[in-house]
């Protein structure tokens, strides 16, 4: 059974940085889509970014406009881990952050990914 576990959340001041990790167990990462999502209090869930990874080792990240230039997604397949590096954090980045996976994506991007596996979330709080 596939399990995703996020970690790395916390409280920081505006302008600070955090790195979130998502460890995948029960499946060896090869070709997949991994997404990072967030949900603030009273807000709808927002997709922060995705990364499509190929069996050949290439990776193709994409980001929401709200985080472009500040957030980056990377992965270490040997550790079965995907990261979300968040810099220049803003109060509006506050929320619960989740990773999700499609381990058999239908295409060569994450546009049609079915996010069938989710982590439990990790809280990020940014104060002004």
Protein backbone atom coordinates (compact mmCIF):
# COMPACT_ATOMS: atom_id res chain seq x y z
CA UNK A 1 0.00 0.00 0.00
CA UNK A 2 1.33 3.38 -1.01
CA UNK A 3 1.77 5.93 1.75
CA UNK A 4 2.89 9.54 1.58
CA UNK A 5 4.21 11.37 4.63
CA UNK A 6 4.93 15.09 4.61
CA UNK A 7 7.22 16.89 7.02
CA UNK A 8 9.04 20.18 7.35
CA UNK A 9 6.20 22.56 8.06
CA UNK A 10 6.43 25.19 10.75
CA UNK A 11 6.06 28.84 11.61
CA UNK A 12 8.22 31.47 9.98
CA UNK A 13 8.19 35.21 9.48
CA UNK A 14 7.46 36.73 6.11
CA UNK A 15 10.51 36.49 3.89
CA UNK A 16 11.61 33.25 5.49
CA UNK A 17 12.09 29.82 3.97
CA UNK A 18 10.97 26.28 4.58
CA UNK A 19 11.60 22.99 2.85
CA UNK A 20 8.86 20.41 2.88
CA UNK A 21 9.53 16.74 2.26
CA UNK A 22 7.20 14.04 1.03
CA UNK A 23 8.42 10.50 1.57
CA UNK A 24 6.74 7.77 -0.45
CA UNK A 25 6.61 4.22 0.86
CA UNK A 26 5.18 1.09 -0.70
CA UNK A 27 6.26 2.01 -4.21
CA UNK A 28 9.63 2.66 -5.78
CA UNK A 29 9.55 5.97 -7.58
CA UNK A 30 10.31 5.86 -11.26
CA UNK A 31 7.88 7.49 -13.66
CA UNK A 32 5.29 9.48 -11.76
CA UNK A 33 3.56 12.73 -11.07
CA UNK A 34 3.82 14.32 -7.66
CA UNK A 35 1.85 17.37 -6.71
CA UNK A 36 1.96 19.82 -3.86
CA UNK A 37 -1.32 21.34 -2.77
CA UNK A 38 -2.28 23.72 -0.02
CA UNK A 39 -5.45 24.80 1.72
CA UNK A 40 -5.81 27.83 3.93
CA UNK A 41 -8.56 28.28 6.48
CA UNK A 42 -11.79 29.03 4.67
CA UNK A 43 -10.12 28.68 1.28
CA UNK A 44 -10.37 26.13 -1.47
CA UNK A 45 -7.54 23.73 -2.04
CA UNK A 46 -4.96 25.15 -4.43
CA UNK A 47 -2.42 23.28 -6.50
CA UNK A 48 0.96 24.81 -5.75
CA UNK A 49 3.01 22.83 -8.23
CA UNK A 50 3.69 19.48 -9.79
CA UNK A 51 6.63 17.50 -10.99
CA UNK A 52 6.58 14.89 -13.72
CA UNK A 53 9.47 12.45 -13.43
CA UNK A 54 10.45 10.00 -16.14
CA UNK A 55 12.07 6.60 -15.84
CA UNK A 56 15.09 8.10 -17.56
CA UNK A 57 15.62 10.54 -14.71
CA UNK A 58 14.30 13.72 -16.32
CA UNK A 59 12.01 15.91 -14.27
CA UNK A 60 9.58 18.59 -15.37
CA UNK A 61 8.24 20.86 -12.64
CA UNK A 62 5.40 23.33 -13.07
CA UNK A 63 4.17 25.98 -10.67
CA UNK A 64 1.15 28.06 -9.90
CA UNK A 65 1.57 31.71 -10.80
CA UNK A 66 1.24 32.65 -7.13
CA UNK A 67 4.47 30.83 -6.24
CA UNK A 68 6.57 31.07 -9.41
CA UNK A 69 10.03 32.30 -8.68
CA UNK A 70 9.69 31.56 -4.96
CA UNK A 71 8.94 27.84 -4.73
CA UNK A 72 10.71 24.94 -6.36
CA UNK A 73 10.02 21.22 -6.49
CA UNK A 74 12.77 18.66 -6.63
CA UNK A 75 13.06 14.95 -6.04
CA UNK A 76 15.49 12.31 -4.92
CA UNK A 77 14.24 9.05 -6.33
CA UNK A 78 16.89 7.09 -4.47
CA UNK A 79 15.31 8.33 -1.24
CA UNK A 80 11.77 8.05 -2.60
CA UNK A 81 11.32 11.68 -1.60
CA UNK A 82 9.97 14.81 -3.25
CA UNK A 83 10.71 18.26 -1.86
CA UNK A 84 9.04 21.64 -1.94
CA UNK A 85 11.50 24.44 -1.33
CA UNK A 86 9.69 27.62 -0.34
CA UNK A 87 11.51 30.95 -0.26
CA UNK A 88 10.41 34.52 0.37
CA UNK A 89 7.33 33.24 2.13
CA UNK A 90 4.33 35.51 2.46
CA UNK A 91 1.42 35.44 4.94
CA UNK A 92 -0.86 34.31 2.12
CA UNK A 93 1.23 31.14 1.83
CA UNK A 94 -0.16 30.03 5.19
CA UNK A 95 -2.05 26.77 5.07
CA UNK A 96 -1.92 23.03 5.28
CA UNK A 97 0.35 21.61 2.63
CA UNK A 98 -0.27 18.21 1.12
CA UNK A 99 1.62 16.06 -1.33
CA UNK A 100 -0.24 13.79 -3.69
CA UNK A 101 0.87 11.22 -6.20
CA UNK A 102 -0.16 9.62 -9.43
CA UNK A 103 2.22 6.70 -9.81
CA UNK A 104 0.94 5.73 -13.25
CA UNK A 105 0.29 9.06 -14.98
CA UNK A 106 -1.57 8.71 -18.26
CA UNK A 107 0.47 11.23 -20.20
CA UNK A 108 3.81 12.95 -20.33
CA UNK A 109 2.69 15.79 -18.12
CA UNK A 110 0.72 15.98 -14.89
CA UNK A 111 -2.20 17.70 -16.55
CA UNK A 112 -4.35 14.57 -16.48
CA UNK A 113 -2.94 13.11 -13.30
CA UNK A 114 -5.32 11.30 -10.98
CA UNK A 115 -4.13 12.17 -7.52
CA UNK A 116 -4.95 8.83 -5.96
CA UNK A 117 -2.58 8.93 -3.01
CA UNK A 118 -2.38 11.76 -0.47
CA UNK A 119 -0.35 12.56 2.59
CA UNK A 120 -1.77 13.76 5.87
CA UNK A 121 -0.49 17.30 5.46
CA UNK A 122 1.95 19.58 7.22
CA UNK A 123 1.08 23.06 8.49
CA UNK A 124 2.87 26.15 7.25
CA UNK A 125 2.24 29.44 9.05
CA UNK A 126 3.78 32.68 7.85
CA UNK A 127 3.49 35.74 10.06
CA UNK A 128 3.81 39.31 8.88
